[in-house]
Structures are given as C-alpha cells and as structure tokens.
C-alpha atoms as a PDB file:
ATOM      1  CA  MET A   1      -1.873  -7.924  15.288  1.00  0.00           C
ATOM      2  CA  LYS A   2      -3.511  -4.565  14.935  1.00  0.00           C
ATOM      3  CA  ARG A   3      -7.223  -3.976  13.024  1.00  0.00           C
ATOM      4  CA  LYS A   4      -7.498  -3.234   9.394  1.00  0.00           C
ATOM      5  CA  PRO A   5      -7.401   0.299   9.269  1.00  0.00           C
ATOM      6  CA  SER A   6      -9.408   1.908   5.989  1.00  0.00           C
ATOM      7  CA  ILE A   7      -9.044   4.762   4.244  1.00  0.00           C
ATOM      8  CA  LYS A   8     -11.588   7.373   3.694  1.00  0.00           C
ATOM      9  CA  SER A   9     -10.675   8.579  -0.110  1.00  0.00           C
ATOM     10  CA  LEU A  10      -8.746   7.160  -3.263  1.00  0.00           C
ATOM     11  CA  GLU A  11      -6.822  10.056  -3.807  1.00  0.00           C
ATOM     12  CA  THR A  12      -5.160  11.212  -1.152  1.00  0.00           C
ATOM     13  CA  VAL A  13      -3.550   9.553   2.537  1.00  0.00           C
ATOM     14  CA  THR A  14      -3.311  11.313   5.602  1.00  0.00           C
ATOM     15  CA  LEU A  15       0.348  10.678   7.191  1.00  0.00           C
ATOM     16  CA  ASP A  16      -2.631   9.524  10.655  1.00  0.00           C
ATOM     17  CA  GLU A  17      -4.068   6.852   7.334  1.00  0.00           C
ATOM     18  CA  ALA A  18      -0.130   6.018   6.345  1.00  0.00           C
ATOM     19  CA  ASN A  19       0.706   5.498   9.798  1.00  0.00           C
ATOM     20  CA  ALA A  20      -1.577   3.164  10.513  1.00  0.00           C
ATOM     21  CA  TYR A  21      -1.190   0.531   7.309  1.00  0.00           C
ATOM     22  CA  LEU A  22       2.394   0.674   8.294  1.00  0.00           C
ATOM     23  CA  ASP A  23       1.588  -0.379  12.211  1.00  0.00           C
ATOM     24  CA  TYR A  24      -0.840  -3.072  11.123  1.00  0.00           C
ATOM     25  CA  ALA A  25       1.841  -4.354   8.567  1.00  0.00           C
ATOM     26  CA  ARG A  26       4.121  -4.451  11.444  1.00  0.00           C
ATOM     27  CA  GLY A  27       6.662  -2.080   9.254  1.00  0.00           C
ATOM     28  CA  ASP A  28       6.589  -2.999   6.370  1.00  0.00           C
ATOM     29  CA  GLU A  29       6.157  -0.985   3.693  1.00  0.00           C
ATOM     30  CA  LEU A  30       5.576  -3.667   0.570  1.00  0.00           C
ATOM     31  CA  THR A  31       2.918  -4.983   3.078  1.00  0.00           C
ATOM     32  CA  ALA A  32       1.450  -1.615   4.139  1.00  0.00           C
ATOM     33  CA  ALA A  33       1.152  -0.578   0.208  1.00  0.00           C
ATOM     34  CA  TYR A  34      -0.924  -3.905  -1.087  1.00  0.00           C
ATOM     35  CA  GLU A  35      -3.061  -3.451   2.003  1.00  0.00           C
ATOM     36  CA  LEU A  36      -4.111  -0.106   1.142  1.00  0.00           C
ATOM     37  CA  ALA A  37      -4.644  -1.412  -2.247  1.00  0.00           C
ATOM     38  CA  LEU A  38      -7.067  -3.765  -1.414  1.00  0.00           C
ATOM     39  CA  ASP A  39      -9.302  -1.065   0.158  1.00  0.00           C
ATOM     40  CA  ARG A  40      -8.878   1.380  -2.710  1.00  0.00           C
ATOM     41  CA  ALA A  41     -10.010  -1.272  -4.700  1.00  0.00           C
ATOM     42  CA  ARG A  42     -13.166  -2.057  -2.435  1.00  0.00           C
ATOM     43  CA  LEU A  43     -13.858   1.479  -2.098  1.00  0.00           C
ATOM     44  CA  ASP A  44     -13.743   1.784  -6.385  1.00  0.00           C
ATOM     45  CA  GLY A  45     -16.443  -0.852  -6.184  1.00  0.00           C
ATOM     46  CA  SER A  46     -13.535  -3.723  -7.303  1.00  0.00           C
ATOM     47  CA  LYS A  47     -13.303  -7.205  -5.682  1.00  0.00           C
ATOM     48  CA  ALA A  48     -10.494  -8.015  -7.975  1.00  0.00           C
ATOM     49  CA  ALA A  49      -6.545  -8.393  -6.092  1.00  0.00           C
ATOM     50  CA  PRO A  50      -4.119  -5.411  -6.809  1.00  0.00           C
ATOM     51  CA  ASP A  51      -1.951  -5.460  -9.799  1.00  0.00           C
ATOM     52  CA  ASP A  52       2.044  -4.641  -9.943  1.00  0.00           C
ATOM     53  CA  ALA A  53       0.945  -1.049 -10.678  1.00  0.00           C
ATOM     54  CA  GLU A  54      -2.013  -0.166  -7.819  1.00  0.00           C
ATOM     55  CA  VAL A  55       1.190  -1.706  -5.315  1.00  0.00           C
ATOM     56  CA  HIS A  56       2.598   0.485  -6.431  1.00  0.00           C
ATOM     57  CA  HIS A  57       0.721   3.672  -6.381  1.00  0.00           C
ATOM     58  CA  ALA A  58      -0.134   2.781  -2.655  1.00  0.00           C
ATOM     59  CA  LEU A  59       3.095   2.867  -2.000  1.00  0.00           C
ATOM     60  CA  PHE A  60       3.837   6.199  -4.119  1.00  0.00           C
ATOM     61  CA  LEU A  61       0.784   7.506  -1.766  1.00  0.00           C
ATOM     62  CA  LEU A  62       2.323   6.408   1.568  1.00  0.00           C
ATOM     63  CA  CYS A  63       5.576   7.553   0.892  1.00  0.00           C
ATOM     64  CA  ARG A  64       4.389  11.062   0.169  1.00  0.00           C
ATOM     65  CA  ALA A  65       1.850  11.399   3.215  1.00  0.00           C
ATOM     66  CA  ARG A  66       5.084  10.189   5.059  1.00  0.00           C
ATOM     67  CA  GLY A  67       7.615  12.701   2.905  1.00  0.00           C
ATOM     68  CA  LYS A  68       9.046   9.816   1.733  1.00  0.00           C
ATOM     69  CA  ASN A  69      10.692   9.284  -2.042  1.00  0.00           C
ATOM     70  CA  PRO A  70       8.974   6.147  -3.390  1.00  0.00           C
ATOM     71  CA  PRO A  71      10.926   2.845  -4.333  1.00  0.00           C
ATOM     72  CA  SER A  72      11.559   2.238  -8.307  1.00  0.00           C
ATOM     73  CA  PHE A  73       8.291   0.540  -9.713  1.00  0.00           C
ATOM     74  CA  ASP A  74      10.755  -1.826 -11.130  1.00  0.00           C
ATOM     75  CA  GLY A  75      12.199  -2.588  -7.698  1.00  0.00           C
ATOM     76  CA  MET A  76       8.768  -2.534  -6.083  1.00  0.00           C
ATOM     77  CA  ARG A  77       8.632  -5.324  -8.540  1.00  0.00           C
ATOM     78  CA  VAL A  78      11.298  -7.283  -8.338  1.00  0.00           C
ATOM     79  CA  GLU A  79      10.736  -7.085  -4.453  1.00  0.00           C
ATOM     80  CA  LEU A  80       6.690  -8.709  -5.155  1.00  0.00           C
ATOM     81  CA  ARG A  81       8.226 -11.218  -7.454  1.00  0.00           C
ATOM     82  CA  ARG A  82      10.988 -12.465  -4.794  1.00  0.00           C
ATOM     83  CA  ARG A  83       8.232 -12.544  -1.790  1.00  0.00           C
ATOM     84  CA  ILE A  84       5.664 -14.840  -3.648  1.00  0.00           C
ATOM     85  CA  ALA A  85       8.706 -17.089  -4.739  1.00  0.00           C
ATOM     86  CA  ALA A  86       9.617 -17.470  -0.953  1.00  0.00           C
END
C-alpha cells in the first residue's frame, strides 16, 4: 500500500492531492473521500470519525479537483451503508 497522502488546506484540494488520495485508495473514490475527510477533521483539530456529510464534502472536493461531478449525497450514503453491512 502506498504512503497515506496529506492535504495542506481545509478549503481546497489540488489535482495532485486528489490523485494521491485515489492512488492510496487504489482508485476507490469513496475510500479516498473517507481518508480525505479524516485528514480534514485532523487539520481542524478533531479526532472524531467523519460523518456522512463530511465524507460527501470530501468526495465533492476530490471530484471538483478532477473536473468530475460528484455523486448525490443519498447515493453516497447508500454505498456507505452497503459497505458497512458487507
């Protein structure tokens, strides 16, 4: 597994940062978004696990940096629940 990337800002994610998170997550956007949300929380001083809204916002940032449209919040939540149940 690759070394975990880290962001420098809470507000923006660069294309290089987005690609690093995706590489770390082996191309899985939702895993990359969760890792990004964890790092954003850490930068903000929190040790709590990110909630669905924070993961979706991280997914939005990853998609925006890569010029893609993010999935809907509800679609992302369904996928998160499916993964937890598996």
